[in-house]
Amino acid sequence: MGTRAEPNRLTLTEGDVALIRGMILRGDRHHDIAAFFGVNQGRIAEIKDGTRFPGVPAADTDELPPAGPYLSPKVTWQENRLR
């Protein structure tokens, strides 16, 4: 039997979750959001249904990244946003 890949150790912060909730409300596709944050689509679904981070509100529309699909991850967007 083959070996499994090492976990990527990416963790979502409350700020990430606020962005994710805002992106969901805007109508972004779950797989685009998951690709942007480098996580599994299941994490996006858990955030949407309140299983994870139930008390974190959605970010305002003006704080969200442009709508996907995304060719680069969140880190690139954040670096460009800070300039």
PDB file of N, CA and C in Angstrom:
ATOM      1  N   MET A   1       0.830  -1.173   0.000  1.00  0.00           N
ATOM      2  CA  MET A   1       0.000   0.000   0.000  1.00  0.00           C
ATOM      3  C   MET A   1       0.882   1.247   0.000  1.00  0.00           C
ATOM      4  N   GLY A   2       0.404   2.330  -0.622  1.00  0.00           N
ATOM      5  CA  GLY A   2       1.175   3.563  -0.723  1.00  0.00           C
ATOM      6  C   GLY A   2       1.217   4.331   0.586  1.00  0.00           C
ATOM      7  N   THR A   3       1.988   5.394   0.573  1.00  0.00           N
ATOM      8  CA  THR A   3       2.079   6.235   1.761  1.00  0.00           C
ATOM      9  C   THR A   3       1.228   7.486   1.561  1.00  0.00           C
ATOM     10  N   ARG A   4       0.798   8.046   2.645  1.00  0.00           N
ATOM     11  CA  ARG A   4      -0.015   9.254   2.587  1.00  0.00           C
ATOM     12  C   ARG A   4       0.879  10.488   2.570  1.00  0.00           C
ATOM     13  N   ALA A   5       0.375  11.533   1.970  1.00  0.00           N
ATOM     14  CA  ALA A   5       1.091  12.804   1.960  1.00  0.00           C
ATOM     15  C   ALA A   5       1.047  13.418   3.353  1.00  0.00           C
ATOM     16  N   GLU A   6       2.046  14.205   3.649  1.00  0.00           N
ATOM     17  CA  GLU A   6       2.089  14.918   4.920  1.00  0.00           C
ATOM     18  C   GLU A   6       0.999  15.986   4.934  1.00  0.00           C
ATOM     19  N   PRO A   7       0.351  16.211   6.073  1.00  0.00           N
ATOM     20  CA  PRO A   7      -0.633  17.291   6.156  1.00  0.00           C
ATOM     21  C   PRO A   7       0.042  18.639   5.919  1.00  0.00           C
ATOM     22  N   ASN A   8      -0.697  19.597   5.351  1.00  0.00           N
ATOM     23  CA  ASN A   8      -0.088  20.885   5.020  1.00  0.00           C
ATOM     24  C   ASN A   8       0.017  21.828   6.215  1.00  0.00           C
ATOM     25  N   ARG A   9      -0.645  21.521   7.306  1.00  0.00           N
ATOM     26  CA  ARG A   9      -0.581  22.307   8.547  1.00  0.00           C
ATOM     27  C   ARG A   9      -1.142  23.720   8.406  1.00  0.00           C
ATOM     28  N   LEU A  10      -1.919  23.984   7.358  1.00  0.00           N
ATOM     29  CA  LEU A  10      -2.553  25.289   7.233  1.00  0.00           C
ATOM     30  C   LEU A  10      -3.691  25.385   8.234  1.00  0.00           C
ATOM     31  N   THR A  11      -3.788  26.509   8.889  1.00  0.00           N
ATOM     32  CA  THR A  11      -4.885  26.723   9.822  1.00  0.00           C
ATOM     33  C   THR A  11      -5.617  27.993   9.414  1.00  0.00           C
ATOM     34  N   LEU A  12      -6.896  27.998   9.649  1.00  0.00           N
ATOM     35  CA  LEU A  12      -7.708  29.164   9.347  1.00  0.00           C
ATOM     36  C   LEU A  12      -7.841  30.022  10.599  1.00  0.00           C
ATOM     37  N   THR A  13      -7.665  31.316  10.424  1.00  0.00           N
ATOM     38  CA  THR A  13      -7.835  32.262  11.526  1.00  0.00           C
ATOM     39  C   THR A  13      -9.276  32.783  11.516  1.00  0.00           C
ATOM     40  N   GLU A  14      -9.660  33.493  12.552  1.00  0.00           N
ATOM     41  CA  GLU A  14     -10.987  34.094  12.571  1.00  0.00           C
ATOM     42  C   GLU A  14     -11.137  35.118  11.452  1.00  0.00           C
ATOM     43  N   GLY A  15     -10.054  35.793  11.117  1.00  0.00           N
ATOM     44  CA  GLY A  15     -10.086  36.734   9.984  1.00  0.00           C
ATOM     45  C   GLY A  15     -10.350  36.017   8.673  1.00  0.00           C
ATOM     46  N   ASP A  16      -9.706  34.853   8.495  1.00  0.00           N
ATOM     47  CA  ASP A  16      -9.955  34.042   7.303  1.00  0.00           C
ATOM     48  C   ASP A  16     -11.417  33.612   7.241  1.00  0.00           C
ATOM     49  N   VAL A  17     -11.946  33.180   8.385  1.00  0.00           N
ATOM     50  CA  VAL A  17     -13.329  32.703   8.439  1.00  0.00           C
ATOM     51  C   VAL A  17     -14.301  33.831   8.107  1.00  0.00           C
ATOM     52  N   ALA A  18     -14.024  35.034   8.585  1.00  0.00           N
ATOM     53  CA  ALA A  18     -14.876  36.175   8.243  1.00  0.00           C
ATOM     54  C   ALA A  18     -14.880  36.399   6.732  1.00  0.00           C
ATOM     55  N   LEU A  19     -13.709  36.323   6.108  1.00  0.00           N
ATOM     56  CA  LEU A  19     -13.627  36.456   4.653  1.00  0.00           C
ATOM     57  C   LEU A  19     -14.392  35.335   3.959  1.00  0.00           C
ATOM     58  N   ILE A  20     -14.224  34.110   4.445  1.00  0.00           N
ATOM     59  CA  ILE A  20     -14.908  32.958   3.849  1.00  0.00           C
ATOM     60  C   ILE A  20     -16.421  33.150   3.919  1.00  0.00           C
ATOM     61  N   ARG A  21     -16.922  33.561   5.066  1.00  0.00           N
ATOM     62  CA  ARG A  21     -18.374  33.779   5.206  1.00  0.00           C
ATOM     63  C   ARG A  21     -18.850  34.869   4.251  1.00  0.00           C
ATOM     64  N   GLY A  22     -18.080  35.929   4.124  1.00  0.00           N
ATOM     65  CA  GLY A  22     -18.438  36.995   3.181  1.00  0.00           C
ATOM     66  C   GLY A  22     -18.434  36.503   1.747  1.00  0.00           C
ATOM     67  N   MET A  23     -17.462  35.674   1.410  1.00  0.00           N
ATOM     68  CA  MET A  23     -17.368  35.136   0.049  1.00  0.00           C
ATOM     69  C   MET A  23     -18.540  34.194  -0.235  1.00  0.00           C
ATOM     70  N   ILE A  24     -18.937  33.418   0.759  1.00  0.00           N
ATOM     71  CA  ILE A  24     -20.091  32.525   0.597  1.00  0.00           C
ATOM     72  C   ILE A  24     -21.355  33.355   0.367  1.00  0.00           C
ATOM     73  N   LEU A  25     -21.545  34.401   1.173  1.00  0.00           N
ATOM     74  CA  LEU A  25     -22.726  35.257   1.020  1.00  0.00           C
ATOM     75  C   LEU A  25     -22.748  35.950  -0.342  1.00  0.00           C
ATOM     76  N   ARG A  26     -21.565  36.267  -0.847  1.00  0.00           N
ATOM     77  CA  ARG A  26     -21.468  36.903  -2.168  1.00  0.00           C
ATOM     78  C   ARG A  26     -21.815  35.927  -3.287  1.00  0.00           C
ATOM     79  N   GLY A  27     -21.731  34.623  -2.988  1.00  0.00           N
ATOM     80  CA  GLY A  27     -22.063  33.616  -3.994  1.00  0.00           C
ATOM     81  C   GLY A  27     -20.875  32.932  -4.631  1.00  0.00           C
ATOM     82  N   ASP A  28     -19.692  33.106  -4.053  1.00  0.00           N
ATOM     83  CA  ASP A  28     -18.506  32.432  -4.591  1.00  0.00           C
ATOM     84  C   ASP A  28     -18.664  30.919  -4.467  1.00  0.00           C
ATOM     85  N   ARG A  29     -18.081  30.190  -5.396  1.00  0.00           N
ATOM     86  CA  ARG A  29     -18.140  28.729  -5.374  1.00  0.00           C
ATOM     87  C   ARG A  29     -17.202  28.199  -4.288  1.00  0.00           C
ATOM     88  N   HIS A  30     -17.658  27.141  -3.614  1.00  0.00           N
ATOM     89  CA  HIS A  30     -16.885  26.574  -2.513  1.00  0.00           C
ATOM     90  C   HIS A  30     -15.492  26.143  -2.954  1.00  0.00           C
ATOM     91  N   HIS A  31     -15.378  25.556  -4.132  1.00  0.00           N
ATOM     92  CA  HIS A  31     -14.046  25.093  -4.530  1.00  0.00           C
ATOM     93  C   HIS A  31     -13.118  26.260  -4.849  1.00  0.00           C
ATOM     94  N   ASP A  32     -13.653  27.399  -5.291  1.00  0.00           N
ATOM     95  CA  ASP A  32     -12.809  28.577  -5.494  1.00  0.00           C
ATOM     96  C   ASP A  32     -12.323  29.125  -4.155  1.00  0.00           C
ATOM     97  N   ILE A  33     -13.217  29.183  -3.181  1.00  0.00           N
ATOM     98  CA  ILE A  33     -12.834  29.669  -1.850  1.00  0.00           C
ATOM     99  C   ILE A  33     -11.785  28.738  -1.238  1.00  0.00           C
ATOM    100  N   ALA A  34     -12.012  27.433  -1.342  1.00  0.00           N
ATOM    101  CA  ALA A  34     -11.072  26.452  -0.788  1.00  0.00           C
ATOM    102  C   ALA A  34      -9.695  26.598  -1.437  1.00  0.00           C
ATOM    103  N   ALA A  35      -9.657  26.798  -2.744  1.00  0.00           N
ATOM    104  CA  ALA A  35      -8.376  26.962  -3.435  1.00  0.00           C
ATOM    105  C   ALA A  35      -7.668  28.229  -2.974  1.00  0.00           C
ATOM    106  N   PHE A  36      -8.417  29.290  -2.768  1.00  0.00           N
ATOM    107  CA  PHE A  36      -7.839  30.557  -2.334  1.00  0.00           C
ATOM    108  C   PHE A  36      -7.157  30.426  -0.976  1.00  0.00           C
ATOM    109  N   PHE A  37      -7.784  29.687  -0.065  1.00  0.00           N
ATOM    110  CA  PHE A  37      -7.245  29.530   1.278  1.00  0.00           C
ATOM    111  C   PHE A  37      -6.369  28.290   1.436  1.00  0.00           C
ATOM    112  N   GLY A  38      -6.298  27.439   0.409  1.00  0.00           N
ATOM    113  CA  GLY A  38      -5.454  26.251   0.473  1.00  0.00           C
ATOM    114  C   GLY A  38      -5.989  25.176   1.402  1.00  0.00           C
ATOM    115  N   VAL A  39      -7.316  25.075   1.497  1.00  0.00           N
ATOM    116  CA  VAL A  39      -7.934  24.072   2.354  1.00  0.00           C
ATOM    117  C   VAL A  39      -8.902  23.211   1.543  1.00  0.00           C
ATOM    118  N   ASN A  40      -9.399  22.168   2.177  1.00  0.00           N
ATOM    119  CA  ASN A  40     -10.362  21.271   1.571  1.00  0.00           C
ATOM    120  C   ASN A  40     -11.735  21.937   1.516  1.00  0.00           C
ATOM    121  N   GLN A  41     -12.530  21.600   0.497  1.00  0.00           N
ATOM    122  CA  GLN A  41     -13.872  22.164   0.377  1.00  0.00           C
ATOM    123  C   GLN A  41     -14.742  21.818   1.586  1.00  0.00           C
ATOM    124  N   GLY A  42     -14.428  20.713   2.246  1.00  0.00           N
ATOM    125  CA  GLY A  42     -15.165  20.328   3.441  1.00  0.00           C
ATOM    126  C   GLY A  42     -15.044  21.354   4.547  1.00  0.00           C
ATOM    127  N   ARG A  43     -13.880  22.017   4.664  1.00  0.00           N
ATOM    128  CA  ARG A  43     -13.726  23.065   5.678  1.00  0.00           C
ATOM    129  C   ARG A  43     -14.642  24.233   5.366  1.00  0.00           C
ATOM    130  N   ILE A  44     -14.807  24.548   4.085  1.00  0.00           N
ATOM    131  CA  ILE A  44     -15.684  25.651   3.687  1.00  0.00           C
ATOM    132  C   ILE A  44     -17.124  25.305   4.050  1.00  0.00           C
ATOM    133  N   ALA A  45     -17.535  24.078   3.784  1.00  0.00           N
ATOM    134  CA  ALA A  45     -18.888  23.630   4.112  1.00  0.00           C
ATOM    135  C   ALA A  45     -19.122  23.671   5.621  1.00  0.00           C
ATOM    136  N   GLU A  46     -18.115  23.285   6.408  1.00  0.00           N
ATOM    137  CA  GLU A  46     -18.250  23.313   7.871  1.00  0.00           C
ATOM    138  C   GLU A  46     -18.397  24.738   8.396  1.00  0.00           C
ATOM    139  N   ILE A  47     -17.712  25.667   7.771  1.00  0.00           N
ATOM    140  CA  ILE A  47     -17.842  27.073   8.161  1.00  0.00           C
ATOM    141  C   ILE A  47     -19.231  27.579   7.774  1.00  0.00           C
ATOM    142  N   LYS A  48     -19.693  27.207   6.591  1.00  0.00           N
ATOM    143  CA  LYS A  48     -21.007  27.650   6.123  1.00  0.00           C
ATOM    144  C   LYS A  48     -22.126  27.155   7.039  1.00  0.00           C
ATOM    145  N   ASP A  49     -22.046  25.882   7.446  1.00  0.00           N
ATOM    146  CA  ASP A  49     -23.135  25.337   8.269  1.00  0.00           C
ATOM    147  C   ASP A  49     -22.956  25.609   9.768  1.00  0.00           C
ATOM    148  N   GLY A  50     -21.866  26.264  10.157  1.00  0.00           N
ATOM    149  CA  GLY A  50     -21.669  26.646  11.548  1.00  0.00           C
ATOM    150  C   GLY A  50     -20.990  25.607  12.412  1.00  0.00           C
ATOM    151  N   THR A  51     -20.528  24.510  11.824  1.00  0.00           N
ATOM    152  CA  THR A  51     -19.819  23.492  12.588  1.00  0.00           C
ATOM    153  C   THR A  51     -18.489  24.032  13.111  1.00  0.00           C
ATOM    154  N   ARG A  52     -17.821  24.818  12.315  1.00  0.00           N
ATOM    155  CA  ARG A  52     -16.552  25.435  12.715  1.00  0.00           C
ATOM    156  C   ARG A  52     -16.744  26.944  12.825  1.00  0.00           C
ATOM    157  N   PHE A  53     -16.143  27.534  13.838  1.00  0.00           N
ATOM    158  CA  PHE A  53     -16.167  28.985  14.055  1.00  0.00           C
ATOM    159  C   PHE A  53     -17.593  29.545  14.016  1.00  0.00           C
ATOM    160  N   PRO A  54     -18.505  29.035  14.824  1.00  0.00           N
ATOM    161  CA  PRO A  54     -19.898  29.468  14.736  1.00  0.00           C
ATOM    162  C   PRO A  54     -20.145  30.940  15.077  1.00  0.00           C
ATOM    163  N   GLY A  55     -19.302  31.565  15.869  1.00  0.00           N
ATOM    164  CA  GLY A  55     -19.561  32.936  16.293  1.00  0.00           C
ATOM    165  C   GLY A  55     -18.913  34.021  15.460  1.00  0.00           C
ATOM    166  N   VAL A  56     -18.229  33.668  14.388  1.00  0.00           N
ATOM    167  CA  VAL A  56     -17.506  34.662  13.596  1.00  0.00           C
ATOM    168  C   VAL A  56     -18.428  35.216  12.504  1.00  0.00           C
ATOM    169  N   PRO A  57     -18.656  36.531  12.506  1.00  0.00           N
ATOM    170  CA  PRO A  57     -19.527  37.128  11.485  1.00  0.00           C
ATOM    171  C   PRO A  57     -18.802  37.277  10.145  1.00  0.00           C
ATOM    172  N   ALA A  58     -19.570  37.467   9.093  1.00  0.00           N
ATOM    173  CA  ALA A  58     -19.014  37.656   7.750  1.00  0.00           C
ATOM    174  C   ALA A  58     -18.320  39.005   7.641  1.00  0.00           C
ATOM    175  N   ALA A  59     -17.272  39.046   6.833  1.00  0.00           N
ATOM    176  CA  ALA A  59     -16.572  40.302   6.559  1.00  0.00           C
ATOM    177  C   ALA A  59     -17.435  41.173   5.649  1.00  0.00           C
ATOM    178  N   ASP A  60     -17.220  42.479   5.711  1.00  0.00           N
ATOM    179  CA  ASP A  60     -17.921  43.402   4.830  1.00  0.00           C
ATOM    180  C   ASP A  60     -17.491  43.183   3.386  1.00  0.00           C
ATOM    181  N   THR A  61     -18.368  43.513   2.471  1.00  0.00           N
ATOM    182  CA  THR A  61     -18.113  43.307   1.045  1.00  0.00           C
ATOM    183  C   THR A  61     -16.842  44.016   0.580  1.00  0.00           C
ATOM    184  N   ASP A  62     -16.581  45.211   1.101  1.00  0.00           N
ATOM    185  CA  ASP A  62     -15.396  45.963   0.668  1.00  0.00           C
ATOM    186  C   ASP A  62     -14.087  45.366   1.178  1.00  0.00           C
ATOM    187  N   GLU A  63     -14.147  44.418   2.102  1.00  0.00           N
ATOM    188  CA  GLU A  63     -12.948  43.761   2.620  1.00  0.00           C
ATOM    189  C   GLU A  63     -12.603  42.487   1.853  1.00  0.00           C
ATOM    190  N   LEU A  64     -13.506  42.010   1.001  1.00  0.00           N
ATOM    191  CA  LEU A  64     -13.326  40.728   0.323  1.00  0.00           C
ATOM    192  C   LEU A  64     -12.380  40.838  -0.859  1.00  0.00           C
ATOM    193  N   PRO A  65     -11.691  39.739  -1.168  1.00  0.00           N
ATOM    194  CA  PRO A  65     -10.891  39.722  -2.393  1.00  0.00           C
ATOM    195  C   PRO A  65     -11.830  39.693  -3.594  1.00  0.00           C
ATOM    196  N   PRO A  66     -11.325  39.984  -4.792  1.00  0.00           N
ATOM    197  CA  PRO A  66     -12.182  39.879  -5.978  1.00  0.00           C
ATOM    198  C   PRO A  66     -12.724  38.463  -6.113  1.00  0.00           C
ATOM    199  N   ALA A  67     -13.855  38.310  -6.771  1.00  0.00           N
ATOM    200  CA  ALA A  67     -14.455  36.983  -6.960  1.00  0.00           C
ATOM    201  C   ALA A  67     -13.541  36.101  -7.799  1.00  0.00           C
ATOM    202  N   GLY A  68     -13.568  34.787  -7.510  1.00  0.00           N
ATOM    203  CA  GLY A  68     -12.736  33.805  -8.199  1.00  0.00           C
ATOM    204  C   GLY A  68     -13.259  33.496  -9.577  1.00  0.00           C
ATOM    205  N   PRO A  69     -12.643  32.575 -10.280  1.00  0.00           N
ATOM    206  CA  PRO A  69     -11.638  31.615  -9.807  1.00  0.00           C
ATOM    207  C   PRO A  69     -10.287  32.291  -9.568  1.00  0.00           C
ATOM    208  N   TYR A  70      -9.531  31.695  -8.668  1.00  0.00           N
ATOM    209  CA  TYR A  70      -8.273  32.272  -8.223  1.00  0.00           C
ATOM    210  C   TYR A  70      -7.090  31.534  -8.828  1.00  0.00           C
ATOM    211  N   LEU A  71      -6.185  32.303  -9.415  1.00  0.00           N
ATOM    212  CA  LEU A  71      -4.979  31.719  -9.980  1.00  0.00           C
ATOM    213  C   LEU A  71      -3.820  31.791  -9.005  1.00  0.00           C
ATOM    214  N   SER A  72      -4.008  32.538  -7.929  1.00  0.00           N
ATOM    215  CA  SER A  72      -2.971  32.634  -6.903  1.00  0.00           C
ATOM    216  C   SER A  72      -3.639  32.560  -5.531  1.00  0.00           C
ATOM    217  N   PRO A  73      -2.896  32.117  -4.528  1.00  0.00           N
ATOM    218  CA  PRO A  73      -3.476  31.945  -3.192  1.00  0.00           C
ATOM    219  C   PRO A  73      -3.655  33.260  -2.437  1.00  0.00           C
ATOM    220  N   LYS A  74      -4.234  33.149  -1.266  1.00  0.00           N
ATOM    221  CA  LYS A  74      -4.528  34.279  -0.392  1.00  0.00           C
ATOM    222  C   LYS A  74      -3.285  35.113  -0.094  1.00  0.00           C
ATOM    223  N   VAL A  75      -2.154  34.479   0.065  1.00  0.00           N
ATOM    224  CA  VAL A  75      -0.931  35.197   0.439  1.00  0.00           C
ATOM    225  C   VAL A  75      -0.601  36.261  -0.599  1.00  0.00           C
ATOM    226  N   THR A  76      -0.741  35.930  -1.875  1.00  0.00           N
ATOM    227  CA  THR A  76      -0.447  36.886  -2.935  1.00  0.00           C
ATOM    228  C   THR A  76      -1.403  38.068  -2.868  1.00  0.00           C
ATOM    229  N   TRP A  77      -2.689  37.800  -2.637  1.00  0.00           N
ATOM    230  CA  TRP A  77      -3.679  38.876  -2.532  1.00  0.00           C
ATOM    231  C   TRP A  77      -3.338  39.795  -1.367  1.00  0.00           C
ATOM    232  N   GLN A  78      -2.988  39.203  -0.221  1.00  0.00           N
ATOM    233  CA  GLN A  78      -2.653  40.009   0.960  1.00  0.00           C
ATOM    234  C   GLN A  78      -1.425  40.870   0.714  1.00  0.00           C
ATOM    235  N   GLU A  79      -0.414  40.316   0.062  1.00  0.00           N
ATOM    236  CA  GLU A  79       0.802  41.098  -0.212  1.00  0.00           C
ATOM    237  C   GLU A  79       0.489  42.274  -1.112  1.00  0.00           C
ATOM    238  N   ASN A  80      -0.316  42.067  -2.132  1.00  0.00           N
ATOM    239  CA  ASN A  80      -0.673  43.158  -3.053  1.00  0.00           C
ATOM    240  C   ASN A  80      -1.575  44.184  -2.382  1.00  0.00           C
ATOM    241  N   ARG A  81      -2.413  43.750  -1.465  1.00  0.00           N
ATOM    242  CA  ARG A  81      -3.339  44.632  -0.765  1.00  0.00           C
ATOM    243  C   ARG A  81      -2.600  45.586   0.164  1.00  0.00           C
ATOM    244  N   LEU A  82      -1.472  45.154   0.713  1.00  0.00           N
ATOM    245  CA  LEU A  82      -0.722  45.965   1.662  1.00  0.00           C
ATOM    246  C   LEU A  82       0.145  47.028   0.992  1.00  0.00           C
ATOM    247  N   ARG A  83       0.280  46.962  -0.304  1.00  0.00           N
ATOM    248  CA  ARG A  83       1.131  47.930  -1.013  1.00  0.00           C
ATOM    249  C   ARG A  83       0.467  49.246  -1.210  1.00  0.00           C
TER     250      ARG A  83
END
